[in-house]
Amino acid sequence: MTTNKKQRIEQYDFIENTEFICFNKFVKANKYGNKSLKEYYISIDMAKELCMIENNNMGKKLRKYFIEVEKRYRSIIEQPQNIFDIMHLALKQIEENEKKLNLVENTSKENKKEIENICYKVKDIYQ
């Protein structure tokens, strides 16, 4: 693990032997002897947190992925469980549709006024 990762462990207060474990790994450095390297194994939760704090393209992709997973999870848990839940969701949908309808109606009125103004201007030009 790079020095940067060691700094992250300290900065975000990750707990050794809970969120990660650290041990020495001996590898053959050359024909004259072995070399000791520090190895880190991190938990999935720690890996997720590290991904979310990285300020690079991969960190951004992973944050978007986690957001999408959470959206899917919320849609699953919001499934109606009884008739009252169904009625509540239906009412919520009706309210959303009314808002959209009002927006369309207002936009239509504005567009109609704008078209009328353009027609008057065109009449003035060609008369």
N, C-alpha and C. Protein backbone atom coordinates (compact mmCIF):
# COMPACT_ATOMS: atom_id res chain seq x y z
N MET A 1 0.86 -1.17 0.00
CA MET A 1 0.00 0.00 0.00
C MET A 1 0.91 1.23 0.00
N THR A 2 0.55 2.16 -0.80
CA THR A 2 1.40 3.34 -0.93
C THR A 2 1.32 4.21 0.31
N THR A 3 2.26 5.13 0.39
CA THR A 3 2.25 6.09 1.49
C THR A 3 0.94 6.84 1.52
N ASN A 4 0.40 7.14 0.34
CA ASN A 4 -0.88 7.84 0.24
C ASN A 4 -1.98 7.05 0.96
N LYS A 5 -1.96 5.75 0.79
CA LYS A 5 -2.98 4.90 1.45
C LYS A 5 -2.76 4.88 2.96
N LYS A 6 -1.52 4.87 3.39
CA LYS A 6 -1.23 4.92 4.82
C LYS A 6 -1.77 6.21 5.41
N GLN A 7 -1.60 7.29 4.66
CA GLN A 7 -2.13 8.58 5.12
C GLN A 7 -3.65 8.55 5.19
N ARG A 8 -4.28 7.89 4.22
CA ARG A 8 -5.75 7.77 4.23
C ARG A 8 -6.22 7.00 5.47
N ILE A 9 -5.49 5.96 5.82
CA ILE A 9 -5.86 5.17 7.00
C ILE A 9 -5.86 6.06 8.24
N GLU A 10 -4.83 6.87 8.37
CA GLU A 10 -4.75 7.77 9.52
C GLU A 10 -5.79 8.89 9.43
N GLN A 11 -5.92 9.47 8.23
CA GLN A 11 -6.84 10.61 8.04
C GLN A 11 -8.28 10.24 8.33
N TYR A 12 -8.70 9.03 7.94
CA TYR A 12 -10.10 8.64 8.08
C TYR A 12 -10.33 7.67 9.24
N ASP A 13 -9.33 7.52 10.08
CA ASP A 13 -9.45 6.74 11.32
C ASP A 13 -9.93 5.30 11.09
N PHE A 14 -9.39 4.64 10.07
CA PHE A 14 -9.72 3.23 9.88
C PHE A 14 -9.10 2.42 11.01
N ILE A 15 -9.79 1.39 11.43
CA ILE A 15 -9.37 0.62 12.60
C ILE A 15 -8.69 -0.68 12.16
N GLU A 16 -7.43 -0.82 12.58
CA GLU A 16 -6.68 -2.03 12.25
C GLU A 16 -7.32 -3.24 12.93
N ASN A 17 -7.29 -4.34 12.22
CA ASN A 17 -7.88 -5.62 12.66
C ASN A 17 -9.41 -5.59 12.67
N THR A 18 -10.00 -4.48 12.26
CA THR A 18 -11.45 -4.41 12.10
C THR A 18 -11.77 -4.08 10.64
N GLU A 19 -11.17 -2.99 10.16
CA GLU A 19 -11.40 -2.58 8.78
C GLU A 19 -10.26 -2.97 7.85
N PHE A 20 -9.13 -3.26 8.42
CA PHE A 20 -8.00 -3.74 7.63
C PHE A 20 -7.05 -4.53 8.53
N ILE A 21 -6.25 -5.38 7.88
CA ILE A 21 -5.18 -6.06 8.60
C ILE A 21 -3.88 -5.81 7.85
N CYS A 22 -2.81 -5.81 8.58
CA CYS A 22 -1.51 -5.50 8.02
C CYS A 22 -0.53 -6.59 8.45
N PHE A 23 0.31 -7.05 7.52
CA PHE A 23 1.32 -8.03 7.88
C PHE A 23 2.51 -7.90 6.94
N ASN A 24 3.60 -8.48 7.34
CA ASN A 24 4.81 -8.45 6.52
C ASN A 24 4.82 -9.65 5.59
N LYS A 25 5.16 -9.40 4.37
CA LYS A 25 5.26 -10.46 3.37
C LYS A 25 6.71 -10.49 2.90
N PHE A 26 7.30 -11.65 2.95
CA PHE A 26 8.69 -11.78 2.54
C PHE A 26 8.74 -12.24 1.09
N VAL A 27 9.46 -11.50 0.29
CA VAL A 27 9.62 -11.83 -1.13
C VAL A 27 11.10 -11.88 -1.44
N LYS A 28 11.43 -12.64 -2.43
CA LYS A 28 12.82 -12.74 -2.83
C LYS A 28 13.19 -11.49 -3.62
N ALA A 29 14.08 -10.69 -3.07
CA ALA A 29 14.48 -9.43 -3.69
C ALA A 29 15.51 -9.68 -4.78
N ASN A 30 16.47 -10.50 -4.47
CA ASN A 30 17.51 -10.86 -5.45
C ASN A 30 18.16 -12.15 -4.98
N LYS A 31 19.23 -12.56 -5.62
CA LYS A 31 19.86 -13.83 -5.27
C LYS A 31 20.57 -13.79 -3.92
N TYR A 32 20.70 -12.59 -3.33
CA TYR A 32 21.41 -12.46 -2.06
C TYR A 32 20.51 -12.43 -0.83
N GLY A 33 19.21 -12.32 -1.03
CA GLY A 33 18.36 -12.30 0.16
C GLY A 33 16.91 -11.95 -0.14
N ASN A 34 16.15 -11.94 0.93
CA ASN A 34 14.73 -11.64 0.84
C ASN A 34 14.46 -10.20 1.25
N LYS A 35 13.29 -9.74 0.89
CA LYS A 35 12.87 -8.39 1.23
C LYS A 35 11.51 -8.49 1.91
N SER A 36 11.28 -7.65 2.90
CA SER A 36 10.01 -7.65 3.62
C SER A 36 9.15 -6.50 3.09
N LEU A 37 7.95 -6.84 2.66
CA LEU A 37 6.99 -5.83 2.19
C LEU A 37 5.80 -5.82 3.13
N LYS A 38 5.23 -4.67 3.33
CA LYS A 38 4.04 -4.56 4.17
C LYS A 38 2.81 -4.79 3.28
N GLU A 39 1.99 -5.74 3.66
CA GLU A 39 0.76 -6.06 2.92
C GLU A 39 -0.44 -5.61 3.73
N TYR A 40 -1.46 -5.10 3.03
CA TYR A 40 -2.70 -4.67 3.67
C TYR A 40 -3.86 -5.41 3.02
N TYR A 41 -4.73 -5.95 3.85
CA TYR A 41 -5.99 -6.49 3.38
C TYR A 41 -7.07 -5.63 4.01
N ILE A 42 -7.94 -5.10 3.14
CA ILE A 42 -8.95 -4.17 3.64
C ILE A 42 -10.35 -4.75 3.47
N SER A 43 -11.25 -4.32 4.34
CA SER A 43 -12.64 -4.80 4.27
C SER A 43 -13.34 -4.16 3.07
N ILE A 44 -14.43 -4.76 2.68
CA ILE A 44 -15.21 -4.22 1.57
C ILE A 44 -15.72 -2.82 1.91
N ASP A 45 -16.17 -2.62 3.15
CA ASP A 45 -16.65 -1.29 3.54
C ASP A 45 -15.54 -0.25 3.47
N MET A 46 -14.35 -0.62 3.88
CA MET A 46 -13.23 0.31 3.79
C MET A 46 -12.90 0.60 2.33
N ALA A 47 -12.94 -0.41 1.50
CA ALA A 47 -12.69 -0.23 0.07
C ALA A 47 -13.70 0.73 -0.54
N LYS A 48 -14.97 0.58 -0.17
CA LYS A 48 -16.02 1.48 -0.67
C LYS A 48 -15.75 2.91 -0.23
N GLU A 49 -15.40 3.06 1.05
CA GLU A 49 -15.14 4.42 1.55
C GLU A 49 -13.94 5.04 0.84
N LEU A 50 -12.88 4.27 0.65
CA LEU A 50 -11.72 4.80 -0.07
C LEU A 50 -12.08 5.19 -1.50
N CYS A 51 -12.91 4.38 -2.14
CA CYS A 51 -13.34 4.71 -3.51
C CYS A 51 -14.11 6.02 -3.54
N MET A 52 -14.98 6.20 -2.54
CA MET A 52 -15.84 7.38 -2.54
C MET A 52 -15.08 8.67 -2.25
N ILE A 53 -13.93 8.58 -1.61
CA ILE A 53 -13.19 9.80 -1.29
C ILE A 53 -12.13 10.12 -2.33
N GLU A 54 -11.87 9.20 -3.26
CA GLU A 54 -10.86 9.46 -4.28
C GLU A 54 -11.37 10.53 -5.24
N ASN A 55 -10.52 11.48 -5.52
CA ASN A 55 -10.89 12.60 -6.39
C ASN A 55 -10.29 12.38 -7.78
N ASN A 56 -10.77 11.32 -8.43
CA ASN A 56 -10.32 11.02 -9.79
C ASN A 56 -11.48 10.38 -10.57
N ASN A 57 -11.24 10.05 -11.80
CA ASN A 57 -12.29 9.53 -12.68
C ASN A 57 -12.89 8.22 -12.14
N MET A 58 -12.04 7.32 -11.66
CA MET A 58 -12.55 6.05 -11.13
C MET A 58 -13.38 6.29 -9.88
N GLY A 59 -12.94 7.19 -9.02
CA GLY A 59 -13.73 7.53 -7.83
C GLY A 59 -15.09 8.06 -8.20
N LYS A 60 -15.14 8.91 -9.24
CA LYS A 60 -16.41 9.47 -9.70
C LYS A 60 -17.33 8.35 -10.22
N LYS A 61 -16.77 7.44 -11.02
CA LYS A 61 -17.57 6.32 -11.55
C LYS A 61 -18.13 5.47 -10.41
N LEU A 62 -17.31 5.21 -9.41
CA LEU A 62 -17.76 4.39 -8.29
C LEU A 62 -18.81 5.10 -7.45
N ARG A 63 -18.67 6.40 -7.26
CA ARG A 63 -19.69 7.15 -6.52
C ARG A 63 -21.02 7.07 -7.27
N LYS A 64 -20.99 7.24 -8.60
CA LYS A 64 -22.22 7.14 -9.38
C LYS A 64 -22.82 5.74 -9.28
N TYR A 65 -21.96 4.73 -9.28
CA TYR A 65 -22.43 3.35 -9.14
C TYR A 65 -23.15 3.16 -7.81
N PHE A 66 -22.53 3.61 -6.72
CA PHE A 66 -23.14 3.46 -5.39
C PHE A 66 -24.46 4.23 -5.29
N ILE A 67 -24.52 5.40 -5.91
CA ILE A 67 -25.76 6.18 -5.93
C ILE A 67 -26.85 5.40 -6.66
N GLU A 68 -26.50 4.80 -7.80
CA GLU A 68 -27.48 4.02 -8.57
C GLU A 68 -27.95 2.80 -7.77
N VAL A 69 -27.05 2.13 -7.10
CA VAL A 69 -27.42 0.97 -6.28
C VAL A 69 -28.39 1.40 -5.19
N GLU A 70 -28.12 2.55 -4.56
CA GLU A 70 -29.00 3.03 -3.50
C GLU A 70 -30.38 3.37 -4.06
N LYS A 71 -30.43 3.98 -5.25
CA LYS A 71 -31.73 4.29 -5.87
C LYS A 71 -32.53 3.01 -6.11
N ARG A 72 -31.85 1.99 -6.62
CA ARG A 72 -32.55 0.71 -6.87
C ARG A 72 -33.05 0.10 -5.57
N TYR A 73 -32.22 0.17 -4.55
CA TYR A 73 -32.61 -0.36 -3.25
C TYR A 73 -33.84 0.36 -2.72
N ARG A 74 -33.82 1.68 -2.81
CA ARG A 74 -34.97 2.45 -2.31
C ARG A 74 -36.24 2.12 -3.08
N SER A 75 -36.12 1.91 -4.40
CA SER A 75 -37.32 1.58 -5.17
C SER A 75 -37.87 0.22 -4.76
N ILE A 76 -36.99 -0.68 -4.36
CA ILE A 76 -37.44 -2.01 -3.92
C ILE A 76 -38.15 -1.91 -2.58
N ILE A 77 -37.56 -1.17 -1.63
CA ILE A 77 -38.17 -1.11 -0.29
C ILE A 77 -39.42 -0.25 -0.26
N GLU A 78 -39.62 0.56 -1.30
CA GLU A 78 -40.81 1.40 -1.35
C GLU A 78 -41.99 0.68 -2.00
N GLN A 79 -41.85 -0.61 -2.28
CA GLN A 79 -42.95 -1.36 -2.85
C GLN A 79 -44.10 -1.40 -1.85
N PRO A 80 -45.32 -1.21 -2.33
CA PRO A 80 -46.47 -1.20 -1.41
C PRO A 80 -46.64 -2.55 -0.71
N GLN A 81 -46.95 -2.46 0.59
CA GLN A 81 -47.13 -3.67 1.39
C GLN A 81 -48.60 -3.97 1.66
N ASN A 82 -49.45 -2.93 1.58
CA ASN A 82 -50.88 -3.14 1.85
C ASN A 82 -51.68 -2.10 1.06
N ILE A 83 -53.00 -2.13 1.21
CA ILE A 83 -53.88 -1.25 0.44
C ILE A 83 -53.61 0.22 0.74
N PHE A 84 -53.24 0.54 1.98
CA PHE A 84 -52.97 1.93 2.34
C PHE A 84 -51.71 2.45 1.65
N ASP A 85 -50.70 1.58 1.54
CA ASP A 85 -49.49 1.96 0.82
C ASP A 85 -49.80 2.21 -0.65
N ILE A 86 -50.64 1.35 -1.23
CA ILE A 86 -51.02 1.50 -2.64
C ILE A 86 -51.76 2.82 -2.84
N MET A 87 -52.69 3.11 -1.93
CA MET A 87 -53.46 4.36 -2.04
C MET A 87 -52.54 5.58 -1.88
N HIS A 88 -51.60 5.50 -0.96
CA HIS A 88 -50.66 6.59 -0.74
C HIS A 88 -49.81 6.83 -2.00
N LEU A 89 -49.31 5.75 -2.60
CA LEU A 89 -48.52 5.88 -3.82
C LEU A 89 -49.36 6.44 -4.96
N ALA A 90 -50.61 5.99 -5.05
CA ALA A 90 -51.50 6.50 -6.11
C ALA A 90 -51.75 7.99 -5.93
N LEU A 91 -52.01 8.41 -4.70
CA LEU A 91 -52.23 9.83 -4.42
C LEU A 91 -50.99 10.65 -4.75
N LYS A 92 -49.85 10.12 -4.38
CA LYS A 92 -48.57 10.80 -4.67
C LYS A 92 -48.40 10.96 -6.19
N GLN A 93 -48.72 9.91 -6.93
CA GLN A 93 -48.60 9.96 -8.40
C GLN A 93 -49.59 10.96 -8.99
N ILE A 94 -50.81 11.00 -8.46
CA ILE A 94 -51.81 11.97 -8.94
C ILE A 94 -51.31 13.39 -8.71
N GLU A 95 -50.75 13.66 -7.53
CA GLU A 95 -50.23 15.00 -7.23
C GLU A 95 -49.10 15.37 -8.17
N GLU A 96 -48.21 14.42 -8.44
CA GLU A 96 -47.10 14.68 -9.38
C GLU A 96 -47.64 14.96 -10.78
N ASN A 97 -48.64 14.19 -11.19
CA ASN A 97 -49.23 14.39 -12.52
C ASN A 97 -49.93 15.74 -12.62
N GLU A 98 -50.60 16.17 -11.54
CA GLU A 98 -51.25 17.48 -11.53
C GLU A 98 -50.23 18.60 -11.67
N LYS A 99 -49.11 18.46 -10.99
CA LYS A 99 -48.05 19.47 -11.12
C LYS A 99 -47.54 19.54 -12.55
N LYS A 100 -47.32 18.37 -13.15
CA LYS A 100 -46.85 18.33 -14.53
C LYS A 100 -47.89 18.93 -15.48
N LEU A 101 -49.15 18.61 -15.25
CA LEU A 101 -50.23 19.14 -16.08
C LEU A 101 -50.30 20.66 -15.97
N ASN A 102 -50.19 21.19 -14.75
CA ASN A 102 -50.19 22.64 -14.56
C ASN A 102 -49.02 23.29 -15.27
N LEU A 103 -47.88 22.66 -15.23
CA LEU A 103 -46.72 23.18 -15.91
C LEU A 103 -46.94 23.22 -17.42
N VAL A 104 -47.51 22.14 -17.95
CA VAL A 104 -47.80 22.09 -19.39
C VAL A 104 -48.82 23.16 -19.77
N GLU A 105 -49.87 23.30 -18.96
CA GLU A 105 -50.89 24.32 -19.23
C GLU A 105 -50.30 25.72 -19.22
N ASN A 106 -49.48 26.02 -18.24
CA ASN A 106 -48.85 27.34 -18.16
C ASN A 106 -47.92 27.59 -19.33
N THR A 107 -47.16 26.57 -19.69
CA THR A 107 -46.26 26.70 -20.84
C THR A 107 -47.06 26.91 -22.11
N SER A 108 -48.17 26.20 -22.23
CA SER A 108 -49.04 26.34 -23.40
C SER A 108 -49.60 27.76 -23.50
N LYS A 109 -50.06 28.31 -22.37
CA LYS A 109 -50.58 29.68 -22.36
C LYS A 109 -49.51 30.68 -22.76
N GLU A 110 -48.30 30.49 -22.23
CA GLU A 110 -47.20 31.39 -22.57
C GLU A 110 -46.87 31.29 -24.06
N ASN A 111 -46.85 30.06 -24.57
CA ASN A 111 -46.56 29.87 -26.00
C ASN A 111 -47.64 30.49 -26.87
N LYS A 112 -48.92 30.37 -26.45
CA LYS A 112 -50.03 30.94 -27.21
C LYS A 112 -49.87 32.46 -27.28
N LYS A 113 -49.55 33.09 -26.15
CA LYS A 113 -49.35 34.55 -26.13
C LYS A 113 -48.19 34.94 -27.04
N GLU A 114 -47.13 34.17 -26.99
CA GLU A 114 -45.96 34.47 -27.82
C GLU A 114 -46.30 34.32 -29.30
N ILE A 115 -47.06 33.29 -29.64
CA ILE A 115 -47.48 33.10 -31.04
C ILE A 115 -48.37 34.26 -31.49
N GLU A 116 -49.30 34.68 -30.62
CA GLU A 116 -50.16 35.82 -30.97
C GLU A 116 -49.34 37.08 -31.20
N ASN A 117 -48.36 37.33 -30.37
CA ASN A 117 -47.50 38.50 -30.55
C ASN A 117 -46.74 38.43 -31.87
N ILE A 118 -46.26 37.25 -32.20
CA ILE A 118 -45.54 37.09 -33.47
C ILE A 118 -46.48 37.32 -34.64
N CYS A 119 -47.72 36.82 -34.53
CA CYS A 119 -48.71 37.01 -35.61
C CYS A 119 -49.00 38.50 -35.82
N TYR A 120 -49.16 39.26 -34.74
CA TYR A 120 -49.40 40.70 -34.87
C TYR A 120 -48.23 41.39 -35.53
N LYS A 121 -47.04 40.99 -35.16
CA LYS A 121 -45.85 41.60 -35.76
C LYS A 121 -45.77 41.28 -37.25
N VAL A 122 -46.08 40.03 -37.58
CA VAL A 122 -46.06 39.63 -39.00
C VAL A 122 -47.12 40.38 -39.78
N LYS A 123 -48.32 40.57 -39.22
CA LYS A 123 -49.39 41.32 -39.88
C LYS A 123 -48.95 42.75 -40.15
N ASP A 124 -48.31 43.37 -39.14
CA ASP A 124 -47.84 44.73 -39.29
C ASP A 124 -46.81 44.84 -40.41
N ILE A 125 -45.97 43.84 -40.54
CA ILE A 125 -44.93 43.89 -41.57
C ILE A 125 -45.54 43.78 -42.97
N TYR A 126 -46.54 42.94 -43.14
CA TYR A 126 -47.09 42.66 -44.47
C TYR A 126 -48.30 43.53 -44.81
N GLN A 127 -48.69 44.44 -43.95
CA GLN A 127 -49.82 45.30 -44.28
C GLN A 127 -49.38 46.60 -44.87
